[in-house]
Amino acid sequence: MIKKLLIPFIKVLVSLTLIGLLLTKLGLRQVTTQLAVANLWWIAVATSLFVLSNLFGSVQWFWLLRTQGIVIPFRRVVAYYHVGLFFNNFLIGYVGGDAIRIFDIARHSGNSSHAISTVLMDRLIGFVMLTTLALVAGLVWHNIFQSDTILMVLGAILCCWIFSFVVLFNEKFARRIGWIFRLTLPVRIKNKMKQLYVSIHAFKNERKILLQLLLISVVVQTLRILVHYFAALAVGIHAHLKYFFIFVPAIALLSSLPISIGGIGIRETSGVALFSQINSIPAEAIVAMEFLSYLIGLIATIPGGLIFMLRPEKIPSNNGAQP
């Protein structure tokens, strides 16, 4: 019981500490002043783009569910997706909202392995596309960096995602490294992981759909990068769009680490570290931009909170799975 309470407490503490250090260094008044004079028109544009990205994200997940034989009406997939997004704002990293999505789909389909596999693939595709966009933009505009460190880090991250795909889709290679899990994990967990691997491996035969999903992901991630761009305009930051295509994916990847609540603190700290390379942007404006981006995301996902409160507790079981 103490352990269950301690871990969330530590992560809340991490978020509050990082925010506190930033505000102490920059001054709370300077940041709130930036937010107080934010342009409402640009905020409205950014919010609309976030809402649109959520709809495309729902389509991506809908196709993943269909590929696993989980047939659920699109409107219900949109509802589940938004509920997950809403809870991502308040739970550890983005894991909490994903767990709620898995729970909803497992209740509906009766198959937890398929439910987990669709959410993991949804995440993996998003991370691959984020990293790829950042790396491509960084290579095109590599002259903006004083060193190639960020490009090397992005390249290493992309290699990790590619390695993940190789493990997931190449059964022979997966067997070669599987001995690690066979030696270290209890039998029950090994069996669960094997079921999950089989579920994810099934996507290998859906190459056309995977390609379509990657293309949808390009749209989703581009829209979310533009959210930051228009949030920047709202607080008076006029920087070239190229910086956002390089820096925002890196910020998003760091914010997704399960070490803070909703990425708060990590988002602002990493934003200052990256965007401060542009000499004309004051640090307090960067913090205001990143916090405003978080608020925009929160506003755009409020429907998920309303759906969660108003929906019936009982969901028909096994209605979503094909026989």
Protein backbone atom coordinates (compact mmCIF):
# COMPACT_ATOMS: atom_id res chain seq x y z
CA MET A 1 0.00 0.00 0.00
CA ILE A 2 2.81 2.42 0.96
CA LYS A 3 4.70 1.56 -2.25
CA LYS A 4 1.61 2.23 -4.38
CA LEU A 5 1.22 5.68 -2.83
CA LEU A 6 4.94 6.48 -2.78
CA ILE A 7 5.61 6.19 -6.54
CA PRO A 8 2.84 8.62 -7.64
CA PHE A 9 3.90 10.98 -4.81
CA ILE A 10 7.49 11.01 -6.08
CA LYS A 11 6.34 11.77 -9.61
CA VAL A 12 4.08 14.59 -8.45
CA LEU A 13 7.06 15.89 -6.49
CA VAL A 14 9.27 15.75 -9.63
CA SER A 15 6.72 17.81 -11.58
CA LEU A 16 6.27 20.39 -8.82
CA THR A 17 10.02 20.65 -8.21
CA LEU A 18 10.83 21.28 -11.87
CA ILE A 19 8.06 23.85 -12.23
CA GLY A 20 9.10 25.48 -8.95
CA LEU A 21 12.75 25.73 -10.01
CA LEU A 22 11.78 27.25 -13.36
CA LEU A 23 9.40 29.79 -11.86
CA THR A 24 11.91 30.68 -9.13
CA LYS A 25 14.59 31.28 -11.74
CA LEU A 26 12.39 33.14 -14.23
CA GLY A 27 9.88 34.76 -11.93
CA LEU A 28 6.24 33.76 -11.67
CA ARG A 29 5.06 37.25 -12.60
CA GLN A 30 6.94 37.25 -15.92
CA VAL A 31 5.41 33.92 -16.95
CA THR A 32 1.87 34.85 -15.89
CA THR A 33 2.21 38.18 -17.70
CA GLN A 34 3.05 36.33 -20.90
CA LEU A 35 -0.02 34.12 -20.46
CA ALA A 36 -2.30 37.04 -19.52
CA VAL A 37 -1.68 38.84 -22.81
CA ALA A 38 -1.83 35.72 -25.00
CA ASN A 39 -3.64 36.18 -28.31
CA LEU A 40 -7.01 34.39 -28.08
CA TRP A 41 -7.25 34.00 -31.86
CA TRP A 42 -4.06 31.94 -32.04
CA ILE A 43 -5.19 29.93 -29.00
CA ALA A 44 -8.45 29.12 -30.84
CA VAL A 45 -6.50 28.04 -33.94
CA ALA A 46 -4.17 25.84 -31.85
CA THR A 47 -7.13 24.26 -30.02
CA SER A 48 -8.90 23.51 -33.31
CA LEU A 49 -5.76 21.83 -34.66
CA PHE A 50 -5.47 19.72 -31.50
CA VAL A 51 -9.11 18.63 -31.81
CA LEU A 52 -8.50 17.72 -35.47
CA SER A 53 -5.38 15.73 -34.55
CA ASN A 54 -7.43 13.80 -31.99
CA LEU A 55 -9.95 12.81 -34.66
CA PHE A 56 -7.17 11.57 -36.96
CA GLY A 57 -5.65 9.75 -33.98
CA SER A 58 -9.00 8.05 -33.39
CA VAL A 59 -9.02 6.89 -37.03
CA GLN A 60 -5.52 5.45 -36.59
CA TRP A 61 -6.55 3.48 -33.50
CA PHE A 62 -9.85 2.41 -35.15
CA TRP A 63 -7.90 0.77 -37.98
CA LEU A 64 -5.56 -0.94 -35.53
CA LEU A 65 -8.57 -2.37 -33.67
CA ARG A 66 -10.14 -3.61 -36.92
CA THR A 67 -6.86 -5.29 -37.85
CA GLN A 68 -7.06 -7.26 -34.59
CA GLY A 69 -10.65 -8.25 -35.28
CA ILE A 70 -12.08 -5.87 -32.68
CA VAL A 71 -15.13 -4.34 -34.35
CA ILE A 72 -16.41 -1.34 -32.41
CA PRO A 73 -18.45 1.57 -33.82
CA PHE A 74 -16.20 4.50 -34.74
CA ARG A 75 -18.05 6.89 -32.42
CA ARG A 76 -17.26 4.60 -29.47
CA VAL A 77 -13.57 4.40 -30.49
CA VAL A 78 -13.51 8.22 -30.61
CA ALA A 79 -15.05 8.28 -27.12
CA TYR A 80 -12.52 5.80 -25.67
CA TYR A 81 -9.65 7.64 -27.36
CA HIS A 82 -10.70 10.99 -25.88
CA VAL A 83 -11.17 9.51 -22.41
CA GLY A 84 -7.58 8.22 -22.59
CA LEU A 85 -6.30 11.60 -23.80
CA PHE A 86 -8.13 13.38 -20.98
CA PHE A 87 -6.53 11.21 -18.30
CA ASN A 88 -3.10 11.60 -19.90
CA ASN A 89 -3.22 15.20 -18.66
CA PHE A 90 -3.29 14.12 -15.03
CA LEU A 91 -1.66 10.68 -14.83
CA ILE A 92 1.96 9.52 -14.95
CA GLY A 93 3.59 10.23 -18.30
CA TYR A 94 1.06 9.10 -20.90
CA VAL A 95 0.80 5.62 -19.42
CA GLY A 96 -2.32 6.28 -17.32
CA GLY A 97 -4.54 7.25 -20.24
CA ASP A 98 -3.28 4.30 -22.26
CA ALA A 99 -4.16 1.96 -19.39
CA ILE A 100 -7.71 3.31 -19.41
CA ARG A 101 -7.96 2.77 -23.18
CA ILE A 102 -6.76 -0.81 -22.74
CA PHE A 103 -9.26 -1.37 -19.94
CA ASP A 104 -12.18 -0.07 -22.06
CA ILE A 105 -11.28 -2.15 -25.12
CA ALA A 106 -10.63 -5.28 -23.05
CA ARG A 107 -14.06 -4.93 -21.44
CA HIS A 108 -15.64 -4.51 -24.84
CA SER A 109 -13.78 -7.26 -26.69
CA GLY A 110 -12.97 -9.71 -23.90
CA ASN A 111 -9.37 -9.97 -25.18
CA SER A 112 -6.79 -8.06 -23.14
CA SER A 113 -3.83 -9.09 -25.35
CA HIS A 114 -5.44 -7.62 -28.46
CA ALA A 115 -6.41 -4.50 -26.52
CA ILE A 116 -2.84 -3.97 -25.27
CA SER A 117 -1.34 -4.67 -28.71
CA THR A 118 -3.43 -1.97 -30.42
CA VAL A 119 -2.49 0.68 -27.85
CA LEU A 120 1.21 -0.29 -27.94
CA MET A 121 1.23 -0.16 -31.75
CA ASP A 122 -0.59 3.16 -31.68
CA ARG A 123 2.10 4.54 -29.37
CA LEU A 124 5.00 2.98 -31.27
CA ILE A 125 3.81 4.34 -34.62
CA GLY A 126 3.42 7.79 -33.08
CA PHE A 127 6.90 7.72 -31.51
CA VAL A 128 8.51 6.50 -34.75
CA MET A 129 6.87 9.26 -36.75
CA LEU A 130 7.71 11.95 -34.18
CA THR A 131 11.37 10.92 -34.15
CA THR A 132 11.50 10.64 -37.95
CA LEU A 133 9.99 14.10 -38.45
CA ALA A 134 12.47 15.62 -36.00
CA LEU A 135 15.44 13.82 -37.57
CA VAL A 136 14.47 14.74 -41.15
CA ALA A 137 13.92 18.38 -40.14
CA GLY A 138 17.22 18.37 -38.25
CA LEU A 139 19.10 17.01 -41.28
CA VAL A 140 17.49 19.55 -43.62
CA TRP A 141 18.27 22.46 -41.29
CA HIS A 142 21.39 21.04 -39.59
CA ASN A 143 23.15 24.40 -39.90
CA ILE A 144 21.08 25.85 -37.01
CA PHE A 145 22.94 23.67 -34.46
CA GLN A 146 26.26 24.52 -32.90
CA SER A 147 26.89 20.78 -32.51
CA ASP A 148 25.38 17.58 -33.92
CA THR A 149 24.51 16.17 -30.48
CA ILE A 150 20.73 16.48 -30.87
CA LEU A 151 20.86 14.79 -34.29
CA MET A 152 22.90 11.94 -32.86
CA VAL A 153 20.43 11.51 -30.00
CA LEU A 154 17.46 11.53 -32.39
CA GLY A 155 19.24 9.02 -34.64
CA ALA A 156 19.88 6.73 -31.66
CA ILE A 157 16.22 6.96 -30.58
CA LEU A 158 15.05 6.13 -34.11
CA CYS A 159 17.37 3.11 -34.14
CA CYS A 160 15.72 1.94 -30.91
CA TRP A 161 12.26 2.17 -32.51
CA ILE A 162 13.48 0.29 -35.60
CA PHE A 163 14.98 -2.37 -33.33
CA SER A 164 11.59 -2.67 -31.61
CA PHE A 165 9.88 -3.29 -34.95
CA VAL A 166 12.50 -5.91 -35.86
CA VAL A 167 11.89 -7.74 -32.57
CA LEU A 168 8.11 -7.53 -32.96
CA PHE A 169 7.93 -8.61 -36.59
CA ASN A 170 10.87 -11.01 -36.91
CA GLU A 171 9.97 -14.09 -34.90
CA LYS A 172 13.31 -15.80 -35.49
CA PHE A 173 15.23 -12.83 -34.09
CA ALA A 174 12.77 -12.50 -31.20
CA ARG A 175 13.40 -16.13 -30.24
CA ARG A 176 17.14 -15.46 -30.10
CA ILE A 177 16.76 -12.78 -27.45
CA GLY A 178 13.74 -14.35 -25.76
CA TRP A 179 15.93 -16.42 -23.45
CA ILE A 180 16.43 -13.30 -21.31
CA PHE A 181 12.74 -13.27 -20.43
CA ARG A 182 12.54 -17.04 -20.08
CA LEU A 183 15.27 -16.95 -17.43
CA THR A 184 14.09 -13.91 -15.49
CA LEU A 185 10.28 -13.88 -15.58
CA PRO A 186 7.73 -16.06 -13.78
CA VAL A 187 5.81 -18.55 -15.96
CA ARG A 188 2.52 -16.65 -15.69
CA ILE A 189 4.04 -13.38 -16.93
CA LYS A 190 5.94 -15.21 -19.69
CA ASN A 191 2.68 -16.70 -20.96
CA LYS A 192 1.00 -13.29 -20.94
CA MET A 193 3.92 -11.76 -22.82
CA LYS A 194 3.82 -14.58 -25.37
CA GLN A 195 0.10 -13.92 -26.00
CA LEU A 196 0.85 -10.21 -26.36
CA TYR A 197 3.73 -10.89 -28.76
CA VAL A 198 1.50 -13.09 -30.94
CA SER A 199 -1.13 -10.30 -31.03
CA ILE A 200 1.40 -7.65 -32.07
CA HIS A 201 3.20 -9.98 -34.50
CA ALA A 202 -0.11 -10.38 -36.39
CA PHE A 203 0.30 -6.81 -37.67
CA LYS A 204 3.23 -8.03 -39.79
CA ASN A 205 0.79 -9.38 -42.38
CA GLU A 206 -1.00 -6.03 -42.67
CA ARG A 207 1.71 -4.07 -44.46
CA LYS A 208 -0.69 -1.95 -46.52
CA ILE A 209 -2.62 -0.92 -43.41
CA LEU A 210 0.62 -0.22 -41.51
CA LEU A 211 1.74 2.08 -44.33
CA GLN A 212 -1.61 3.88 -44.21
CA LEU A 213 -1.29 4.20 -40.44
CA LEU A 214 2.17 5.73 -40.81
CA LEU A 215 0.74 8.30 -43.24
CA ILE A 216 -2.09 9.13 -40.82
CA SER A 217 0.50 9.46 -38.06
CA VAL A 218 2.37 12.04 -40.15
CA VAL A 219 -0.82 14.12 -40.17
CA VAL A 220 -1.45 13.62 -36.43
CA GLN A 221 2.08 14.55 -35.37
CA THR A 222 2.32 17.49 -37.79
CA LEU A 223 -0.92 18.94 -36.41
CA ARG A 224 0.38 18.59 -32.84
CA ILE A 225 3.63 20.30 -33.75
CA LEU A 226 1.58 23.14 -35.25
CA VAL A 227 -0.30 23.42 -31.94
CA HIS A 228 3.00 24.46 -30.30
CA TYR A 229 3.75 26.83 -33.18
CA PHE A 230 0.45 28.69 -32.76
CA ALA A 231 0.78 28.61 -28.96
CA ALA A 232 4.14 30.34 -29.51
CA LEU A 233 2.50 32.99 -31.69
CA ALA A 234 -0.13 33.46 -28.98
CA VAL A 235 2.52 34.49 -26.42
CA GLY A 236 4.47 36.61 -28.88
CA ILE A 237 7.16 34.15 -30.02
CA HIS A 238 7.86 34.54 -33.73
CA ALA A 239 10.31 31.74 -34.55
CA HIS A 240 10.69 29.81 -37.81
CA LEU A 241 8.52 26.70 -38.09
CA LYS A 242 11.64 24.56 -38.64
CA TYR A 243 12.58 24.88 -34.95
CA PHE A 244 9.23 23.42 -33.92
CA PHE A 245 9.60 20.38 -36.19
CA ILE A 246 12.96 19.64 -34.57
CA PHE A 247 12.34 20.61 -30.93
CA VAL A 248 8.68 19.71 -30.28
CA PRO A 249 9.11 15.97 -31.04
CA ALA A 250 12.06 15.86 -28.63
CA ILE A 251 9.96 17.62 -25.96
CA ALA A 252 7.05 15.21 -26.56
CA LEU A 253 9.31 12.16 -26.24
CA LEU A 254 10.78 13.44 -22.97
CA SER A 255 7.33 14.37 -21.62
CA SER A 256 6.10 10.83 -22.25
CA LEU A 257 8.63 9.37 -19.81
CA PRO A 258 6.84 8.05 -16.68
CA ILE A 259 8.63 10.39 -14.29
CA SER A 260 6.08 13.19 -13.98
CA ILE A 261 2.34 13.85 -14.00
CA GLY A 262 1.12 14.62 -17.53
CA GLY A 263 4.65 15.68 -18.52
CA ILE A 264 4.32 18.85 -16.40
CA GLY A 265 7.73 20.23 -15.53
CA ILE A 266 9.55 18.00 -18.02
CA ARG A 267 7.79 19.78 -20.90
CA GLU A 268 8.68 23.26 -19.71
CA THR A 269 12.25 22.42 -18.67
CA SER A 270 13.11 20.66 -21.93
CA GLY A 271 11.38 23.45 -23.88
CA VAL A 272 13.64 26.05 -22.28
CA ALA A 273 16.74 23.88 -22.87
CA LEU A 274 15.95 23.51 -26.58
CA PHE A 275 14.26 26.75 -27.63
CA SER A 276 16.74 28.90 -25.71
CA GLN A 277 19.18 28.05 -28.53
CA ILE A 278 17.24 30.68 -30.47
CA ASN A 279 18.84 33.80 -29.02
CA SER A 280 15.88 36.15 -29.42
CA ILE A 281 13.43 34.11 -27.28
CA PRO A 282 13.34 34.85 -23.51
CA ALA A 283 13.06 31.80 -21.24
CA GLU A 284 9.83 33.01 -19.57
CA ALA A 285 8.14 33.17 -22.97
CA ILE A 286 9.19 29.56 -23.68
CA VAL A 287 7.75 28.39 -20.35
CA ALA A 288 4.52 30.28 -21.10
CA MET A 289 4.37 28.69 -24.57
CA GLU A 290 4.81 25.15 -23.27
CA PHE A 291 2.38 25.60 -20.40
CA LEU A 292 -0.14 27.14 -22.81
CA SER A 293 0.31 24.11 -25.11
CA TYR A 294 -0.55 21.90 -22.12
CA LEU A 295 -3.66 23.99 -21.36
CA ILE A 296 -4.73 23.82 -25.02
CA GLY A 297 -4.39 20.04 -24.90
CA LEU A 298 -6.43 19.98 -21.71
CA ILE A 299 -9.20 22.10 -23.28
CA ALA A 300 -9.26 19.93 -26.42
CA THR A 301 -9.64 16.76 -24.34
CA ILE A 302 -12.37 18.02 -22.00
CA PRO A 303 -14.94 16.03 -24.06
CA GLY A 304 -13.12 12.90 -22.85
CA GLY A 305 -13.70 13.90 -19.25
CA LEU A 306 -17.39 14.57 -19.92
CA ILE A 307 -17.77 11.23 -21.72
CA PHE A 308 -16.15 9.44 -18.77
CA MET A 309 -18.53 11.09 -16.28
CA LEU A 310 -21.72 10.56 -18.31
CA ARG A 311 -21.18 7.14 -19.84
CA PRO A 312 -22.94 4.09 -18.35
CA GLU A 313 -20.81 1.86 -16.16
CA LYS A 314 -21.87 -1.32 -17.93
CA ILE A 315 -20.35 -2.07 -21.31
CA PRO A 316 -21.63 -5.10 -23.24
CA SER A 317 -18.87 -7.71 -23.13
CA ASN A 318 -17.57 -9.50 -26.23
CA ASN A 319 -19.59 -7.26 -28.56
CA GLY A 320 -16.48 -5.84 -30.11
CA ALA A 321 -14.73 -9.08 -31.05
CA GLN A 322 -15.26 -11.09 -34.14
CA PRO A 323 -16.08 -14.77 -33.56
